[in-house]
Every structure is written in C-alpha cells, then in structure tokens.
C-alpha cells in the first residue's frame, strides 16, 4: 500500500461529504480507542469554571460590632479617609468600603475589618 501525503489527505477531506467524514471519525475512534468529544467537554468545563469567579468585587460594611473605634481605624487605613469621613462611613452602615476591586484585595480588607470586630460582605 502506498503511503499518502499530507496534501492528499487534506484534498480528500476537502472533497468528502459530512457522512463520509463522520464515518472516518468513527473508524479512527474505534481503531485507536480515542474519542473526538472528550477534549471539547474538558475545554467547556474549564471555561465554565473560570467564568464562575468574578473579576471584581465590592466590600460592604454590614455591622460595626462592639469595637467601633477599631473599625473606624481599620476603615481609615483601608480607604485613606480622614477621621471624620471614616466615622461618617462607619456610622452609615451598610456602607461600601471599596468597589470594583480584585477578589484577593477584598479578602485582605475583609480580614482587617473582621479582626477589628465588624461584619463584612463581599459581592
């Protein structure tokens, strides 16, 4: 049997009908024990997992807790606001502390505020 060149194989694929190509795929799957559908399913699952995590989030102060002064200090450190503005923000709960930030930064902010005694929500 003569060996086919790559150009000859491509020429056959250009001229073959959909039914002929489908039969060829099935024959390859049976002969070599592979599946043409598996890589597509894996790629789709990977895309779905990546899309599930948001790229930006908002940190919202829900409750101040018993240590209001510590929460005000934490808010000042996080936002860079002055004492009066930070106090107004804390007094106006629920209040957005930072908006449209990376999830990693939001986790750090949440930890600081919770360590100060506040209840925080990340959306």
Protein backbone atom coordinates (compact mmCIF):
# COMPACT_ATOMS: atom_id res chain seq x y z
CA UNK A 1 0.00 0.00 0.00
CA UNK A 2 1.35 3.41 -0.97
CA UNK A 3 1.80 5.98 1.76
CA UNK A 4 -0.48 9.03 1.42
CA UNK A 5 0.99 12.50 1.66
CA UNK A 6 -0.44 15.16 3.89
CA UNK A 7 -1.65 17.10 0.83
CA UNK A 8 -3.53 14.03 -0.44
CA UNK A 9 -5.25 13.58 2.92
CA UNK A 10 -6.25 17.24 3.02
CA UNK A 11 -7.56 17.04 -0.55
CA UNK A 12 -9.70 14.03 0.44
CA UNK A 13 -11.07 15.94 3.47
CA UNK A 14 -11.95 18.91 1.24
CA UNK A 15 -13.96 16.71 -1.12
CA UNK A 16 -15.58 14.31 1.39
CA UNK A 17 -19.22 14.63 2.41
CA UNK A 18 -20.29 15.09 6.02
CA UNK A 19 -21.41 11.46 6.19
CA UNK A 20 -18.04 10.25 4.91
CA UNK A 21 -16.20 12.42 7.44
CA UNK A 22 -18.46 11.15 10.24
CA UNK A 23 -17.69 7.54 9.27
CA UNK A 24 -13.97 8.36 9.17
CA UNK A 25 -14.09 9.84 12.68
CA UNK A 26 -15.94 6.77 13.99
CA UNK A 27 -13.41 4.44 12.37
CA UNK A 28 -10.49 6.37 13.91
CA UNK A 29 -12.16 6.31 17.33
CA UNK A 30 -12.69 2.54 17.12
CA UNK A 31 -9.27 1.67 15.73
CA UNK A 32 -7.21 3.84 18.10
CA UNK A 33 -9.51 3.89 21.14
CA UNK A 34 -9.87 7.67 21.25
CA UNK A 35 -12.85 10.00 21.42
CA UNK A 36 -13.17 13.25 19.50
CA UNK A 37 -15.74 14.61 22.00
CA UNK A 38 -13.63 14.37 25.17
CA UNK A 39 -11.36 17.42 24.60
CA UNK A 40 -14.37 19.61 23.82
CA UNK A 41 -16.11 18.59 27.05
CA UNK A 42 -12.97 19.26 29.10
CA UNK A 43 -12.48 22.67 27.47
CA UNK A 44 -16.12 23.60 28.09
CA UNK A 45 -15.86 22.58 31.75
CA UNK A 46 -12.68 24.64 32.19
CA UNK A 47 -14.36 27.69 30.63
CA UNK A 48 -17.39 27.30 32.91
CA UNK A 49 -15.18 27.12 35.99
CA UNK A 50 -13.25 30.22 35.00
CA UNK A 51 -16.42 32.20 34.32
CA UNK A 52 -17.85 31.39 37.74
CA UNK A 53 -15.38 33.55 39.65
CA UNK A 54 -15.95 37.31 39.35
CA UNK A 55 -13.05 39.52 38.31
CA UNK A 56 -14.05 42.44 40.55
CA UNK A 57 -16.00 42.61 43.80
CA UNK A 58 -17.32 45.17 46.27
CA UNK A 59 -16.64 45.14 50.01
CA UNK A 60 -19.58 46.31 52.11
CA UNK A 61 -19.54 47.02 55.85
CA UNK A 62 -22.70 45.40 57.25
CA UNK A 63 -22.34 45.84 61.03
CA UNK A 64 -19.87 47.74 63.18
CA UNK A 65 -19.87 45.47 66.22
CA UNK A 66 -18.77 46.32 69.75
CA UNK A 67 -15.41 47.91 68.85
CA UNK A 68 -16.46 50.94 66.81
CA UNK A 69 -13.16 52.78 67.31
CA UNK A 70 -11.15 49.84 65.96
CA UNK A 71 -13.44 49.62 62.92
CA UNK A 72 -13.04 53.35 62.23
CA UNK A 73 -9.24 52.96 62.41
CA UNK A 74 -9.39 50.00 60.00
CA UNK A 75 -11.61 51.95 57.58
CA UNK A 76 -9.18 54.89 57.69
CA UNK A 77 -6.26 52.58 56.93
CA UNK A 78 -8.10 50.87 54.05
CA UNK A 79 -9.65 53.92 52.40
CA UNK A 80 -7.20 56.69 53.28
CA UNK A 81 -10.07 58.85 54.58
CA UNK A 82 -9.72 61.29 57.42
CA UNK A 83 -11.13 60.61 60.87
CA UNK A 84 -14.41 62.50 60.36
CA UNK A 85 -15.11 60.93 56.94
CA UNK A 86 -14.25 57.43 58.18
CA UNK A 87 -16.57 57.91 61.19
CA UNK A 88 -19.41 59.05 58.88
CA UNK A 89 -18.86 55.99 56.71
CA UNK A 90 -18.93 53.65 59.71
CA UNK A 91 -22.00 55.38 61.19
CA UNK A 92 -23.86 54.93 57.89
CA UNK A 93 -23.81 51.12 57.77
CA UNK A 94 -24.43 49.34 55.50
CA UNK A 95 -21.74 51.18 53.55
CA UNK A 96 -19.49 50.33 50.62
CA UNK A 97 -15.86 50.39 51.70
CA UNK A 98 -14.24 49.63 48.33
CA UNK A 99 -15.88 48.97 44.97
CA UNK A 100 -14.66 47.08 41.86
CA UNK A 101 -11.51 45.59 43.38
CA UNK A 102 -9.75 42.26 42.90
CA UNK A 103 -11.06 39.34 44.98
CA UNK A 104 -7.62 38.94 46.60
CA UNK A 105 -7.61 42.56 47.81
CA UNK A 106 -11.20 42.16 49.03
CA UNK A 107 -10.18 39.14 51.12
CA UNK A 108 -7.44 41.20 52.80
CA UNK A 109 -9.84 44.08 53.51
CA UNK A 110 -12.46 41.69 54.88
CA UNK A 111 -9.89 40.14 57.23
CA UNK A 112 -8.79 43.56 58.54
CA UNK A 113 -12.35 44.66 59.20
CA UNK A 114 -13.37 41.38 60.81
CA UNK A 115 -10.28 41.48 63.02
CA UNK A 116 -11.47 44.94 64.14
CA UNK A 117 -14.88 43.43 65.06
CA UNK A 118 -17.02 44.37 62.03
CA UNK A 119 -19.31 42.20 59.91
CA UNK A 120 -18.40 42.43 56.22
CA UNK A 121 -19.95 41.24 52.95
CA UNK A 122 -18.05 40.70 49.68
CA UNK A 123 -20.10 40.68 46.48
